[in-house]
N, C-alpha and C. Protein backbone atom coordinates (compact mmCIF):
# COMPACT_ATOMS: atom_id res chain seq x y z
N MET A 1 -17.91 -9.18 -6.80
CA MET A 1 -17.00 -9.68 -7.82
C MET A 1 -16.68 -11.14 -7.53
N TYR A 2 -16.41 -11.86 -8.58
CA TYR A 2 -16.10 -13.27 -8.45
C TYR A 2 -14.69 -13.48 -7.91
N ASN A 3 -14.53 -14.55 -7.18
CA ASN A 3 -13.25 -14.90 -6.61
C ASN A 3 -12.51 -15.79 -7.60
N THR A 4 -11.79 -15.17 -8.54
CA THR A 4 -11.13 -15.90 -9.60
C THR A 4 -9.73 -16.36 -9.18
N LYS A 5 -9.18 -17.24 -9.98
CA LYS A 5 -7.82 -17.73 -9.72
C LYS A 5 -6.82 -16.57 -9.77
N GLN A 6 -6.98 -15.69 -10.76
CA GLN A 6 -6.07 -14.55 -10.89
C GLN A 6 -6.18 -13.62 -9.68
N ARG A 7 -7.40 -13.38 -9.25
CA ARG A 7 -7.62 -12.51 -8.09
C ARG A 7 -6.97 -13.11 -6.84
N ASN A 8 -7.13 -14.41 -6.66
CA ASN A 8 -6.50 -15.09 -5.53
C ASN A 8 -4.98 -15.02 -5.61
N GLU A 9 -4.43 -15.16 -6.82
CA GLU A 9 -2.98 -15.06 -7.00
C GLU A 9 -2.47 -13.66 -6.67
N ILE A 10 -3.22 -12.65 -7.08
CA ILE A 10 -2.84 -11.27 -6.77
C ILE A 10 -2.82 -11.06 -5.27
N LEU A 11 -3.86 -11.50 -4.59
CA LEU A 11 -3.94 -11.34 -3.14
C LEU A 11 -2.84 -12.12 -2.44
N THR A 12 -2.57 -13.33 -2.89
CA THR A 12 -1.50 -14.14 -2.30
C THR A 12 -0.15 -13.46 -2.47
N THR A 13 0.11 -12.93 -3.66
CA THR A 13 1.38 -12.26 -3.92
C THR A 13 1.50 -10.99 -3.09
N LEU A 14 0.43 -10.21 -3.01
CA LEU A 14 0.45 -9.00 -2.19
C LEU A 14 0.67 -9.32 -0.71
N SER A 15 0.09 -10.43 -0.26
CA SER A 15 0.15 -10.79 1.15
C SER A 15 1.47 -11.45 1.54
N SER A 16 2.26 -11.85 0.56
CA SER A 16 3.45 -12.64 0.84
C SER A 16 4.56 -11.86 1.54
N ASP A 17 4.56 -10.54 1.40
CA ASP A 17 5.53 -9.71 2.11
C ASP A 17 5.00 -8.29 2.16
N LYS A 18 5.79 -7.39 2.69
CA LYS A 18 5.34 -6.00 2.85
C LYS A 18 6.06 -5.06 1.88
N LEU A 19 6.16 -5.49 0.62
CA LEU A 19 6.85 -4.68 -0.37
C LEU A 19 6.05 -3.49 -0.87
N HIS A 20 4.73 -3.54 -0.77
CA HIS A 20 3.86 -2.49 -1.30
C HIS A 20 4.20 -2.24 -2.77
N PRO A 21 4.04 -3.26 -3.62
CA PRO A 21 4.47 -3.12 -5.02
C PRO A 21 3.54 -2.24 -5.85
N THR A 22 4.10 -1.73 -6.94
CA THR A 22 3.28 -1.08 -7.96
C THR A 22 2.61 -2.20 -8.75
N ALA A 23 1.68 -1.84 -9.63
CA ALA A 23 1.03 -2.85 -10.46
C ALA A 23 2.06 -3.56 -11.35
N GLU A 24 3.00 -2.81 -11.89
CA GLU A 24 4.04 -3.39 -12.75
C GLU A 24 4.93 -4.34 -11.95
N GLU A 25 5.32 -3.94 -10.74
CA GLU A 25 6.14 -4.81 -9.89
C GLU A 25 5.38 -6.08 -9.52
N LEU A 26 4.10 -5.92 -9.21
CA LEU A 26 3.27 -7.07 -8.87
C LEU A 26 3.19 -8.02 -10.06
N TYR A 27 2.99 -7.49 -11.24
CA TYR A 27 2.94 -8.30 -12.46
C TYR A 27 4.24 -9.08 -12.63
N ARG A 28 5.38 -8.41 -12.46
CA ARG A 28 6.69 -9.10 -12.59
C ARG A 28 6.86 -10.18 -11.54
N LEU A 29 6.47 -9.89 -10.29
CA LEU A 29 6.56 -10.90 -9.23
C LEU A 29 5.73 -12.13 -9.58
N MET A 30 4.54 -11.90 -10.06
CA MET A 30 3.65 -13.00 -10.40
C MET A 30 4.18 -13.78 -11.60
N SER A 31 4.70 -13.08 -12.60
CA SER A 31 5.27 -13.74 -13.77
C SER A 31 6.48 -14.58 -13.38
N ASP A 32 7.33 -14.04 -12.50
CA ASP A 32 8.51 -14.77 -12.02
C ASP A 32 8.12 -16.04 -11.28
N ARG A 33 6.95 -16.03 -10.65
CA ARG A 33 6.46 -17.22 -9.94
C ARG A 33 5.75 -18.19 -10.86
N GLY A 34 5.69 -17.87 -12.16
CA GLY A 34 5.08 -18.77 -13.12
C GLY A 34 3.59 -18.58 -13.30
N CYS A 35 3.05 -17.50 -12.77
CA CYS A 35 1.63 -17.24 -12.91
C CYS A 35 1.35 -16.68 -14.31
N ASN A 36 0.42 -17.28 -14.98
CA ASN A 36 0.06 -16.85 -16.33
C ASN A 36 -1.04 -15.80 -16.23
N ILE A 37 -0.64 -14.52 -16.26
CA ILE A 37 -1.58 -13.42 -16.09
C ILE A 37 -1.11 -12.25 -16.93
N SER A 38 -2.04 -11.49 -17.46
CA SER A 38 -1.67 -10.31 -18.25
C SER A 38 -1.60 -9.09 -17.35
N ILE A 39 -0.87 -8.08 -17.80
CA ILE A 39 -0.77 -6.84 -17.04
C ILE A 39 -2.14 -6.16 -16.95
N ALA A 40 -2.94 -6.29 -18.01
CA ALA A 40 -4.29 -5.70 -17.99
C ALA A 40 -5.15 -6.35 -16.91
N THR A 41 -5.01 -7.65 -16.73
CA THR A 41 -5.77 -8.37 -15.69
C THR A 41 -5.32 -7.92 -14.31
N VAL A 42 -4.04 -7.69 -14.14
CA VAL A 42 -3.52 -7.20 -12.86
C VAL A 42 -4.14 -5.84 -12.55
N TYR A 43 -4.07 -4.91 -13.50
CA TYR A 43 -4.62 -3.58 -13.29
C TYR A 43 -6.13 -3.63 -13.00
N ARG A 44 -6.86 -4.40 -13.79
CA ARG A 44 -8.31 -4.49 -13.61
C ARG A 44 -8.67 -5.04 -12.24
N ASN A 45 -8.00 -6.10 -11.83
CA ASN A 45 -8.29 -6.71 -10.53
C ASN A 45 -7.88 -5.80 -9.38
N LEU A 46 -6.74 -5.12 -9.49
CA LEU A 46 -6.32 -4.19 -8.44
C LEU A 46 -7.36 -3.08 -8.27
N LYS A 47 -7.83 -2.54 -9.38
CA LYS A 47 -8.85 -1.48 -9.33
C LYS A 47 -10.10 -1.98 -8.62
N GLN A 48 -10.58 -3.14 -9.01
CA GLN A 48 -11.80 -3.69 -8.41
C GLN A 48 -11.60 -4.03 -6.94
N MET A 49 -10.46 -4.60 -6.60
CA MET A 49 -10.19 -4.97 -5.21
C MET A 49 -10.10 -3.73 -4.32
N CYS A 50 -9.54 -2.63 -4.85
CA CYS A 50 -9.49 -1.38 -4.10
C CYS A 50 -10.89 -0.80 -3.91
N GLU A 51 -11.68 -0.81 -4.97
CA GLU A 51 -13.04 -0.28 -4.89
C GLU A 51 -13.88 -1.04 -3.88
N GLU A 52 -13.62 -2.34 -3.75
CA GLU A 52 -14.38 -3.17 -2.82
C GLU A 52 -13.78 -3.15 -1.41
N GLY A 53 -12.67 -2.44 -1.22
CA GLY A 53 -12.06 -2.35 0.10
C GLY A 53 -11.28 -3.58 0.51
N GLU A 54 -10.99 -4.45 -0.43
CA GLU A 54 -10.26 -5.68 -0.12
C GLU A 54 -8.77 -5.42 0.08
N ILE A 55 -8.24 -4.45 -0.68
CA ILE A 55 -6.84 -4.06 -0.56
C ILE A 55 -6.78 -2.54 -0.50
N MET A 56 -5.59 -2.02 -0.20
CA MET A 56 -5.41 -0.57 -0.07
C MET A 56 -4.52 -0.06 -1.20
N ARG A 57 -4.95 1.04 -1.82
CA ARG A 57 -4.12 1.73 -2.80
C ARG A 57 -3.37 2.84 -2.07
N ILE A 58 -2.09 2.92 -2.28
CA ILE A 58 -1.27 3.97 -1.68
C ILE A 58 -0.87 4.91 -2.81
N SER A 59 -1.48 6.07 -2.86
CA SER A 59 -1.19 7.04 -3.90
C SER A 59 0.02 7.85 -3.49
N VAL A 60 1.09 7.71 -4.26
CA VAL A 60 2.34 8.40 -3.98
C VAL A 60 2.52 9.49 -5.03
N PRO A 61 2.60 10.75 -4.62
CA PRO A 61 2.76 11.83 -5.60
C PRO A 61 3.97 11.61 -6.50
N ASN A 62 3.79 11.85 -7.79
CA ASN A 62 4.85 11.74 -8.80
C ASN A 62 5.41 10.33 -8.95
N SER A 63 4.67 9.33 -8.54
CA SER A 63 5.09 7.94 -8.65
C SER A 63 3.87 7.08 -8.90
N PRO A 64 4.08 5.87 -9.40
CA PRO A 64 2.93 4.97 -9.59
C PRO A 64 2.30 4.59 -8.24
N ASP A 65 1.01 4.32 -8.26
CA ASP A 65 0.34 3.85 -7.05
C ASP A 65 0.97 2.54 -6.59
N ARG A 66 0.92 2.32 -5.29
CA ARG A 66 1.39 1.07 -4.69
C ARG A 66 0.19 0.40 -4.03
N TYR A 67 0.33 -0.88 -3.72
CA TYR A 67 -0.80 -1.64 -3.20
C TYR A 67 -0.40 -2.41 -1.96
N ASP A 68 -1.36 -2.56 -1.05
CA ASP A 68 -1.15 -3.21 0.23
C ASP A 68 -2.32 -4.15 0.49
N ALA A 69 -2.01 -5.40 0.83
CA ALA A 69 -3.06 -6.39 1.11
C ALA A 69 -3.75 -6.12 2.43
N VAL A 70 -3.10 -5.36 3.31
CA VAL A 70 -3.68 -5.06 4.62
C VAL A 70 -4.41 -3.73 4.50
N ASN A 71 -5.73 -3.78 4.63
CA ASN A 71 -6.54 -2.58 4.48
C ASN A 71 -7.23 -2.26 5.80
N ASP A 72 -6.44 -1.92 6.79
CA ASP A 72 -6.98 -1.64 8.12
C ASP A 72 -6.85 -0.17 8.51
N GLY A 73 -6.52 0.68 7.54
CA GLY A 73 -6.42 2.10 7.83
C GLY A 73 -5.09 2.54 8.40
N HIS A 74 -4.07 1.68 8.36
CA HIS A 74 -2.77 2.09 8.88
C HIS A 74 -2.13 3.11 7.94
N TYR A 75 -1.06 3.73 8.38
CA TYR A 75 -0.40 4.80 7.64
C TYR A 75 0.89 4.27 7.02
N HIS A 76 1.52 5.11 6.21
CA HIS A 76 2.74 4.70 5.53
C HIS A 76 3.78 5.80 5.55
N LEU A 77 5.05 5.38 5.53
CA LEU A 77 6.18 6.28 5.37
C LEU A 77 6.83 5.95 4.04
N ILE A 78 7.16 6.97 3.25
CA ILE A 78 7.88 6.80 2.00
C ILE A 78 9.32 7.25 2.25
N CYS A 79 10.27 6.35 1.99
CA CYS A 79 11.68 6.70 2.20
C CYS A 79 12.14 7.65 1.10
N ASP A 80 12.72 8.77 1.50
CA ASP A 80 13.20 9.77 0.55
C ASP A 80 14.40 9.28 -0.25
N TYR A 81 15.10 8.26 0.26
CA TYR A 81 16.30 7.76 -0.43
C TYR A 81 15.99 6.61 -1.37
N CYS A 82 15.35 5.57 -0.88
CA CYS A 82 15.15 4.36 -1.69
C CYS A 82 13.73 4.20 -2.20
N GLY A 83 12.79 5.00 -1.71
CA GLY A 83 11.41 4.92 -2.17
C GLY A 83 10.60 3.82 -1.52
N ARG A 84 11.20 3.09 -0.59
CA ARG A 84 10.51 2.01 0.10
C ARG A 84 9.30 2.57 0.86
N VAL A 85 8.24 1.76 0.93
CA VAL A 85 7.04 2.13 1.68
C VAL A 85 7.02 1.28 2.95
N VAL A 86 6.93 1.95 4.09
CA VAL A 86 6.98 1.29 5.39
C VAL A 86 5.66 1.51 6.12
N ASP A 87 5.13 0.45 6.72
CA ASP A 87 3.89 0.55 7.49
C ASP A 87 4.11 1.29 8.81
N ILE A 88 3.14 2.11 9.18
CA ILE A 88 3.07 2.74 10.50
C ILE A 88 1.71 2.36 11.06
N GLU A 89 1.72 1.61 12.12
CA GLU A 89 0.46 1.11 12.69
C GLU A 89 -0.39 2.26 13.21
N LYS A 90 -1.67 2.11 13.03
CA LYS A 90 -2.64 3.12 13.44
C LYS A 90 -2.55 3.41 14.95
N GLN A 91 -2.28 2.39 15.74
CA GLN A 91 -2.23 2.55 17.20
C GLN A 91 -1.08 3.45 17.65
N SER A 92 -0.07 3.64 16.77
CA SER A 92 1.04 4.50 17.16
C SER A 92 0.67 5.98 17.12
N LEU A 93 -0.46 6.30 16.51
CA LEU A 93 -0.96 7.68 16.46
C LEU A 93 -2.40 7.73 16.94
N PRO A 94 -2.61 7.44 18.22
CA PRO A 94 -3.98 7.40 18.73
C PRO A 94 -4.64 8.77 18.69
N ASN A 95 -5.94 8.75 18.53
CA ASN A 95 -6.75 9.97 18.58
C ASN A 95 -6.46 10.96 17.47
N LEU A 96 -5.84 10.53 16.38
CA LEU A 96 -5.53 11.45 15.29
C LEU A 96 -6.81 12.04 14.69
N ALA A 97 -7.83 11.21 14.49
CA ALA A 97 -9.10 11.70 13.94
C ALA A 97 -9.75 12.71 14.89
N GLN A 98 -9.68 12.44 16.17
CA GLN A 98 -10.26 13.36 17.16
C GLN A 98 -9.53 14.70 17.15
N ILE A 99 -8.22 14.67 17.05
CA ILE A 99 -7.43 15.90 17.01
C ILE A 99 -7.79 16.71 15.76
N ALA A 100 -7.88 16.01 14.61
CA ALA A 100 -8.24 16.69 13.36
C ALA A 100 -9.65 17.25 13.43
N LYS A 101 -10.56 16.53 14.05
CA LYS A 101 -11.94 17.01 14.19
C LYS A 101 -11.98 18.28 15.03
N GLN A 102 -11.26 18.29 16.14
CA GLN A 102 -11.23 19.47 16.99
C GLN A 102 -10.60 20.66 16.28
N ALA A 103 -9.56 20.41 15.50
CA ALA A 103 -8.86 21.50 14.82
C ALA A 103 -9.66 22.07 13.67
N SER A 104 -10.50 21.25 13.05
CA SER A 104 -11.22 21.69 11.86
C SER A 104 -12.71 21.92 12.07
N ASN A 105 -13.22 21.41 13.19
CA ASN A 105 -14.66 21.44 13.46
C ASN A 105 -15.44 20.70 12.37
N CYS A 106 -14.84 19.65 11.82
CA CYS A 106 -15.46 18.83 10.78
C CYS A 106 -15.49 17.37 11.23
N GLU A 107 -16.42 16.63 10.67
CA GLU A 107 -16.51 15.19 10.96
C GLU A 107 -15.46 14.48 10.10
N ILE A 108 -14.60 13.72 10.71
CA ILE A 108 -13.55 12.99 9.99
C ILE A 108 -14.07 11.60 9.65
N CYS A 109 -14.10 11.28 8.37
CA CYS A 109 -14.62 9.98 7.90
C CYS A 109 -13.51 9.01 7.54
N ASN A 110 -12.37 9.52 7.13
CA ASN A 110 -11.29 8.66 6.68
C ASN A 110 -9.98 9.44 6.78
N ILE A 111 -8.89 8.73 7.00
CA ILE A 111 -7.57 9.36 7.04
C ILE A 111 -6.67 8.62 6.07
N LYS A 112 -6.04 9.36 5.18
CA LYS A 112 -5.01 8.83 4.30
C LYS A 112 -3.80 9.69 4.53
N LEU A 113 -2.82 9.14 5.19
CA LEU A 113 -1.68 9.92 5.64
C LEU A 113 -0.39 9.28 5.17
N LEU A 114 0.46 10.08 4.54
CA LEU A 114 1.78 9.63 4.12
C LEU A 114 2.83 10.43 4.87
N PHE A 115 3.78 9.73 5.43
CA PHE A 115 4.94 10.37 6.05
C PHE A 115 6.10 10.23 5.08
N TYR A 116 7.02 11.17 5.12
CA TYR A 116 8.23 11.09 4.31
C TYR A 116 9.41 11.18 5.25
N GLY A 117 10.42 10.37 4.99
CA GLY A 117 11.59 10.36 5.85
C GLY A 117 12.61 9.37 5.32
N ILE A 118 13.36 8.79 6.22
CA ILE A 118 14.41 7.84 5.86
C ILE A 118 14.11 6.52 6.55
N CYS A 119 14.01 5.45 5.77
CA CYS A 119 13.69 4.14 6.34
C CYS A 119 14.86 3.60 7.16
N HIS A 120 14.58 2.60 7.94
CA HIS A 120 15.57 2.00 8.83
C HIS A 120 16.79 1.49 8.05
N ASN A 121 16.55 0.85 6.90
CA ASN A 121 17.67 0.30 6.11
C ASN A 121 18.59 1.41 5.62
N CYS A 122 18.03 2.49 5.11
CA CYS A 122 18.85 3.60 4.62
C CYS A 122 19.58 4.32 5.75
N THR A 123 18.93 4.41 6.91
CA THR A 123 19.58 5.03 8.07
C THR A 123 20.78 4.20 8.50
N GLN A 124 20.63 2.88 8.51
CA GLN A 124 21.75 2.00 8.88
C GLN A 124 22.88 2.09 7.88
N GLN A 125 22.56 2.16 6.58
CA GLN A 125 23.60 2.27 5.55
C GLN A 125 24.36 3.58 5.68
N ALA A 126 23.66 4.66 6.03
CA ALA A 126 24.29 5.96 6.20
C ALA A 126 25.23 5.97 7.40
N ASP A 127 24.90 5.17 8.43
CA ASP A 127 25.73 5.11 9.63
C ASP A 127 27.01 4.34 9.41
N ASN A 128 27.04 3.49 8.38
CA ASN A 128 28.24 2.65 8.13
C ASN A 128 29.24 3.33 7.26
């Protein structure tokens, strides 16, 4: 795929923080920054970038997909209170593929794992 201005803007916006936005949120962020882009262009580019492995799609049950500029196979936690998506580094769960392989007697090719819980911000608010 060609490296277009819109594609670069999408990647820059995704990389600017760890919000893990939906396509609609990403579109609003880009529009707020003055980027002239259509929602259809955002969706099309996100789809292509995911297919090419440039970014990561986070499929959240009963919610819109979210996107992450870091596609290194790390895991995510979804906060049950605020819906925030938090990164969990792959190194924090070493040998997960090996454990799954031993338990299933199958070759593990990929892991997509979502944790559910309460994010740090919501835990702090509950304590106050």
